[in-house]
Amino acid sequence: MREKYALHLALASGGLIFLVTILFALVQSPEILSASVQKGAAIPHPFVGYETCDSCHGRAGILPYPVRHLGWSNGSCEGCHVRDDESAP
């Protein structure tokens, strides 16, 4: 009898932790539910000489990036952000 309640308690606790984790992820990144991938703002400065984005845009930089950008490498910036010289006709 005791094992039956222990199993139910473990399953209920695991389910609750799972739901809280999903809700936290949705609050932090609501774009998870969007169907389309949104492009970021254009890079408004020359790229040559400024390849290391986090030197200016790191959490302690002059223009820090949002918290949801944590963990991304410098090489991944151009996956969403377009160079300003490429976006011009």
C-alpha atoms as a PDB file:
ATOM      1  CA  MET A   1       0.000   0.000   0.000  1.00  0.00           C
ATOM      2  CA  ARG A   2       2.799   2.368   0.912  1.00  0.00           C
ATOM      3  CA  GLU A   3       4.581   1.789  -2.419  1.00  0.00           C
ATOM      4  CA  LYS A   4       1.398   2.684  -4.283  1.00  0.00           C
ATOM      5  CA  TYR A   5       1.275   6.133  -2.687  1.00  0.00           C
ATOM      6  CA  ALA A   6       5.002   6.645  -3.132  1.00  0.00           C
ATOM      7  CA  LEU A   7       4.668   5.931  -6.834  1.00  0.00           C
ATOM      8  CA  HIS A   8       1.726   8.329  -7.170  1.00  0.00           C
ATOM      9  CA  LEU A   9       3.623  11.013  -5.263  1.00  0.00           C
ATOM     10  CA  ALA A  10       6.691  10.567  -7.477  1.00  0.00           C
ATOM     11  CA  LEU A  11       4.611  10.750 -10.668  1.00  0.00           C
ATOM     12  CA  ALA A  12       2.683  13.797  -9.462  1.00  0.00           C
ATOM     13  CA  SER A  13       5.904  15.563  -8.409  1.00  0.00           C
ATOM     14  CA  GLY A  14       7.595  14.783 -11.723  1.00  0.00           C
ATOM     15  CA  GLY A  15       4.579  16.009 -13.665  1.00  0.00           C
ATOM     16  CA  LEU A  16       4.452  19.220 -11.668  1.00  0.00           C
ATOM     17  CA  ILE A  17       8.162  19.865 -12.202  1.00  0.00           C
ATOM     18  CA  PHE A  18       7.685  19.244 -15.937  1.00  0.00           C
ATOM     19  CA  LEU A  19       4.766  21.697 -16.146  1.00  0.00           C
ATOM     20  CA  VAL A  20       6.636  24.388 -14.208  1.00  0.00           C
ATOM     21  CA  THR A  21       9.637  23.947 -16.517  1.00  0.00           C
ATOM     22  CA  ILE A  22       7.456  24.334 -19.632  1.00  0.00           C
ATOM     23  CA  LEU A  23       5.725  27.426 -18.218  1.00  0.00           C
ATOM     24  CA  PHE A  24       9.071  28.989 -17.276  1.00  0.00           C
ATOM     25  CA  ALA A  25      10.416  28.368 -20.793  1.00  0.00           C
ATOM     26  CA  LEU A  26       7.338  29.983 -22.352  1.00  0.00           C
ATOM     27  CA  VAL A  27       7.594  33.027 -20.089  1.00  0.00           C
ATOM     28  CA  GLN A  28      11.291  33.473 -20.909  1.00  0.00           C
ATOM     29  CA  SER A  29      10.943  32.869 -24.656  1.00  0.00           C
ATOM     30  CA  PRO A  30       7.374  33.391 -25.902  1.00  0.00           C
ATOM     31  CA  GLU A  31       8.602  33.136 -29.501  1.00  0.00           C
ATOM     32  CA  ILE A  32       8.810  29.356 -29.011  1.00  0.00           C
ATOM     33  CA  LEU A  33       5.144  29.118 -29.982  1.00  0.00           C
ATOM     34  CA  SER A  34       5.460  31.273 -33.102  1.00  0.00           C
ATOM     35  CA  ALA A  35       5.468  29.350 -36.374  1.00  0.00           C
ATOM     36  CA  SER A  36       7.836  31.637 -38.235  1.00  0.00           C
ATOM     37  CA  VAL A  37      11.430  32.477 -37.437  1.00  0.00           C
ATOM     38  CA  GLN A  38      11.840  36.194 -36.919  1.00  0.00           C
ATOM     39  CA  LYS A  39      14.940  37.941 -38.148  1.00  0.00           C
ATOM     40  CA  GLY A  40      16.765  40.254 -35.769  1.00  0.00           C
ATOM     41  CA  ALA A  41      17.642  43.871 -36.335  1.00  0.00           C
ATOM     42  CA  ALA A  42      20.210  44.786 -38.966  1.00  0.00           C
ATOM     43  CA  ILE A  43      23.805  45.228 -37.797  1.00  0.00           C
ATOM     44  CA  PRO A  44      24.175  49.024 -38.150  1.00  0.00           C
ATOM     45  CA  HIS A  45      27.969  49.147 -38.158  1.00  0.00           C
ATOM     46  CA  PRO A  46      30.726  47.804 -40.400  1.00  0.00           C
ATOM     47  CA  PHE A  47      31.380  44.134 -39.720  1.00  0.00           C
ATOM     48  CA  VAL A  48      35.098  44.162 -40.556  1.00  0.00           C
ATOM     49  CA  GLY A  49      37.006  44.818 -37.358  1.00  0.00           C
ATOM     50  CA  TYR A  50      33.974  44.046 -35.198  1.00  0.00           C
ATOM     51  CA  GLU A  51      33.692  40.275 -35.666  1.00  0.00           C
ATOM     52  CA  THR A  52      33.715  39.621 -31.911  1.00  0.00           C
ATOM     53  CA  CYS A  53      30.161  40.735 -31.123  1.00  0.00           C
ATOM     54  CA  ASP A  54      30.279  40.072 -27.395  1.00  0.00           C
ATOM     55  CA  SER A  55      33.141  42.547 -26.885  1.00  0.00           C
ATOM     56  CA  CYS A  56      30.547  45.340 -27.201  1.00  0.00           C
ATOM     57  CA  HIS A  57      27.291  43.423 -26.806  1.00  0.00           C
ATOM     58  CA  GLY A  58      28.155  41.016 -23.983  1.00  0.00           C
ATOM     59  CA  ARG A  59      26.251  41.257 -20.693  1.00  0.00           C
ATOM     60  CA  ALA A  60      28.780  43.819 -19.448  1.00  0.00           C
ATOM     61  CA  GLY A  61      29.272  45.512 -22.846  1.00  0.00           C
ATOM     62  CA  ILE A  62      28.375  48.987 -24.048  1.00  0.00           C
ATOM     63  CA  LEU A  63      25.122  47.802 -25.666  1.00  0.00           C
ATOM     64  CA  PRO A  64      24.333  44.512 -23.923  1.00  0.00           C
ATOM     65  CA  TYR A  65      22.221  41.917 -25.681  1.00  0.00           C
ATOM     66  CA  PRO A  66      19.048  40.470 -24.086  1.00  0.00           C
ATOM     67  CA  VAL A  67      19.276  37.649 -21.555  1.00  0.00           C
ATOM     68  CA  ARG A  68      17.803  35.171 -24.062  1.00  0.00           C
ATOM     69  CA  HIS A  69      20.983  35.607 -26.162  1.00  0.00           C
ATOM     70  CA  LEU A  70      23.141  34.021 -23.445  1.00  0.00           C
ATOM     71  CA  GLY A  71      25.011  30.961 -24.616  1.00  0.00           C
ATOM     72  CA  TRP A  72      25.147  31.877 -28.309  1.00  0.00           C
ATOM     73  CA  SER A  73      28.578  32.123 -29.928  1.00  0.00           C
ATOM     74  CA  ASN A  74      29.828  35.119 -31.909  1.00  0.00           C
ATOM     75  CA  GLY A  75      29.510  33.121 -35.130  1.00  0.00           C
ATOM     76  CA  SER A  76      25.784  32.593 -34.603  1.00  0.00           C
ATOM     77  CA  CYS A  77      24.830  36.301 -34.621  1.00  0.00           C
ATOM     78  CA  GLU A  78      24.521  36.451 -38.401  1.00  0.00           C
ATOM     79  CA  GLY A  79      22.022  33.605 -38.311  1.00  0.00           C
ATOM     80  CA  CYS A  80      19.375  36.153 -37.274  1.00  0.00           C
ATOM     81  CA  HIS A  81      20.989  39.567 -37.702  1.00  0.00           C
ATOM     82  CA  VAL A  82      21.746  40.829 -41.226  1.00  0.00           C
ATOM     83  CA  ARG A  83      24.665  43.093 -41.952  1.00  0.00           C
ATOM     84  CA  ASP A  84      23.432  46.606 -42.731  1.00  0.00           C
ATOM     85  CA  ASP A  85      25.538  46.744 -45.924  1.00  0.00           C
ATOM     86  CA  GLU A  86      23.826  43.541 -47.170  1.00  0.00           C
ATOM     87  CA  SER A  87      20.329  44.804 -46.398  1.00  0.00           C
ATOM     88  CA  ALA A  88      20.832  47.984 -48.468  1.00  0.00           C
ATOM     89  CA  PRO A  89      19.768  47.767 -52.132  1.00  0.00           C
END
